[in-house]
């Protein structure tokens, strides 16, 4: 004899399996969203650091363009340019210029009428998001020797 079962008597295994699979998919989606948000944050920070570097480089270029009219070979001399904003980079730069020393070429050369003045440029680029980049560059300015 066959046992007759009612079509209304089910154990509910399909419902439990479906809910477990739905929970796994939900966890996977949440994990993917967190990962995407973290990657966006990392990319934004990298862009901000790059902008700070570009701001510092812009400061050095500005200081080099102003150098002939600005540099003074006097011990202890310093100058500051900025803070200066740059369109498109969302930040500013500041450049400190410091006179280091003067050197003269060896005697007997045609360059004996000239002197070499050594300066150091320290440019700091800062973005609105707080990234900071310090770039240093030395320059030598060749000028006529000043007789003392």
Protein backbone atom coordinates (compact mmCIF):
# COMPACT_ATOMS: atom_id res chain seq x y z
CA UNK A 1 0.00 0.00 0.00
CA UNK A 2 1.04 3.47 -0.74
CA UNK A 3 0.99 6.13 1.84
CA UNK A 4 -0.86 9.17 0.90
CA UNK A 5 0.64 12.50 1.81
CA UNK A 6 -1.18 15.70 1.73
CA UNK A 7 0.09 18.28 -0.77
CA UNK A 8 -0.08 20.87 1.99
CA UNK A 9 2.48 19.16 4.20
CA UNK A 10 5.97 20.42 3.22
CA UNK A 11 9.07 20.53 5.34
CA UNK A 12 10.21 24.06 4.29
CA UNK A 13 13.75 23.12 3.22
CA UNK A 14 13.50 25.19 0.04
CA UNK A 15 12.60 28.27 2.07
CA UNK A 16 15.58 27.84 4.41
CA UNK A 17 18.01 27.26 1.52
CA UNK A 18 16.63 30.31 -0.30
CA UNK A 19 17.04 32.52 2.77
CA UNK A 20 20.63 31.33 3.32
CA UNK A 21 21.52 32.04 -0.32
CA UNK A 22 19.89 35.47 -0.09
CA UNK A 23 21.91 36.24 3.04
CA UNK A 24 25.16 35.18 1.31
CA UNK A 25 24.37 37.40 -1.68
CA UNK A 26 23.60 40.33 0.63
CA UNK A 27 26.94 39.93 2.45
CA UNK A 28 28.73 39.75 -0.89
CA UNK A 29 27.03 42.97 -2.07
CA UNK A 30 27.87 44.82 1.16
CA UNK A 31 31.49 43.66 0.94
CA UNK A 32 31.74 44.82 -2.67
CA UNK A 33 30.30 48.23 -1.79
CA UNK A 34 32.80 48.69 1.05
CA UNK A 35 35.66 47.66 -1.22
CA UNK A 36 34.55 50.14 -3.89
CA UNK A 37 34.28 52.95 -1.32
CA UNK A 38 37.77 52.19 -0.01
CA UNK A 39 39.20 52.18 -3.52
CA UNK A 40 37.58 55.57 -4.20
CA UNK A 41 39.16 56.94 -1.02
CA UNK A 42 42.58 55.57 -2.00
CA UNK A 43 42.29 57.05 -5.50
CA UNK A 44 41.26 60.43 -4.07
CA UNK A 45 44.23 60.47 -1.70
CA UNK A 46 46.62 59.56 -4.51
CA UNK A 47 45.23 62.38 -6.63
CA UNK A 48 45.56 64.81 -3.72
CA UNK A 49 49.22 63.80 -3.19
CA UNK A 50 49.89 64.26 -6.91
CA UNK A 51 48.27 67.71 -6.81
CA UNK A 52 50.45 68.68 -3.83
CA UNK A 53 53.55 67.61 -5.77
CA UNK A 54 52.42 69.63 -8.80
CA UNK A 55 51.77 72.66 -6.60
CA UNK A 56 55.31 72.46 -5.18
CA UNK A 57 56.72 72.14 -8.70
CA UNK A 58 54.67 75.18 -9.78
CA UNK A 59 56.18 77.09 -6.85
CA UNK A 60 59.71 76.21 -7.95
CA UNK A 61 58.92 77.26 -11.54
CA UNK A 62 57.50 80.57 -10.26
CA UNK A 63 60.57 81.21 -8.09
CA UNK A 64 62.92 80.43 -10.99
CA UNK A 65 60.99 82.85 -13.22
CA UNK A 66 61.30 85.60 -10.59
CA UNK A 67 64.89 84.76 -9.64
CA UNK A 68 66.87 87.36 -11.64
CA UNK A 69 64.98 90.27 -10.07
CA UNK A 70 64.69 88.71 -6.63
CA UNK A 71 68.00 87.09 -5.66
CA UNK A 72 70.39 88.99 -3.41
CA UNK A 73 73.84 87.57 -2.54
CA UNK A 74 73.95 88.75 1.07
CA UNK A 75 74.73 86.35 3.95
CA UNK A 76 71.55 85.49 5.83
CA UNK A 77 69.28 86.67 2.99
CA UNK A 78 65.95 84.85 2.63
CA UNK A 79 62.74 85.51 0.73
CA UNK A 80 59.30 83.93 0.65
CA UNK A 81 56.88 83.70 -2.26
CA UNK A 82 53.28 82.86 -1.51
CA UNK A 83 51.08 81.35 -0.39
CA UNK A 84 49.91 81.40 -3.98
CA UNK A 85 46.82 79.52 -5.23
CA UNK A 86 46.81 77.58 -8.49
CA UNK A 87 43.62 77.17 -10.52
CA UNK A 88 42.62 73.57 -11.11
CA UNK A 89 44.84 72.01 -8.44
CA UNK A 90 42.71 73.01 -5.43
CA UNK A 91 45.54 74.20 -3.24
CA UNK A 92 48.46 76.59 -2.88
CA UNK A 93 52.24 76.71 -2.73
CA UNK A 94 54.79 78.63 -0.73
CA UNK A 95 58.47 78.95 -1.62
CA UNK A 96 61.33 79.88 0.71
CA UNK A 97 64.55 81.03 -0.97
CA UNK A 98 67.78 81.14 0.99
CA UNK A 99 71.20 82.45 0.00
CA UNK A 100 73.90 79.89 0.82
CA UNK A 101 77.28 81.13 -0.40
CA UNK A 102 79.34 82.74 -3.17
CA UNK A 103 82.18 81.13 -5.07
CA UNK A 104 84.60 82.53 -7.61
CA UNK A 105 86.26 80.58 -10.42
CA UNK A 106 89.96 79.85 -10.44
CA UNK A 107 92.17 82.82 -11.28
CA UNK A 108 93.58 82.95 -14.76
CA UNK A 109 90.35 82.04 -16.49
CA UNK A 110 88.20 84.41 -18.51
CA UNK A 111 85.39 83.80 -16.02
CA UNK A 112 87.39 85.54 -13.28
CA UNK A 113 85.12 88.57 -13.60
CA UNK A 114 82.13 86.49 -12.53
CA UNK A 115 80.96 84.95 -9.32
CA UNK A 116 78.68 82.03 -8.61
CA UNK A 117 75.94 82.59 -6.03
CA UNK A 118 74.35 79.50 -4.52
CA UNK A 119 70.73 79.47 -3.36
CA UNK A 120 68.31 76.85 -2.09
CA UNK A 121 64.60 76.79 -2.92
CA UNK A 122 62.19 74.93 -0.65
CA UNK A 123 58.69 74.73 -2.13
CA UNK A 124 55.74 73.37 -0.17
CA UNK A 125 52.54 72.43 -2.00
CA UNK A 126 49.37 72.02 0.08
CA UNK A 127 45.98 70.83 -1.14
CA UNK A 128 42.56 71.57 0.28
CA UNK A 129 42.34 67.92 1.42
CA UNK A 130 45.45 68.24 3.59
CA UNK A 131 48.07 66.61 1.36
CA UNK A 132 51.52 68.23 1.54
CA UNK A 133 54.62 67.92 -0.63
CA UNK A 134 58.05 69.46 -0.01
CA UNK A 135 60.39 69.86 -2.99
CA UNK A 136 63.88 71.33 -2.70
CA UNK A 137 66.08 72.57 -5.48
CA UNK A 138 69.43 74.31 -5.53
CA UNK A 139 70.25 76.99 -8.05
CA UNK A 140 73.43 78.75 -9.06
CA UNK A 141 73.08 82.28 -10.30
CA UNK A 142 76.06 83.52 -12.30
CA UNK A 143 76.64 87.26 -12.06
CA UNK A 144 79.33 89.87 -12.37
CA UNK A 145 81.78 89.96 -9.50
CA UNK A 146 81.10 92.78 -7.09
CA UNK A 147 84.35 94.51 -6.17
CA UNK A 148 84.64 95.12 -2.49
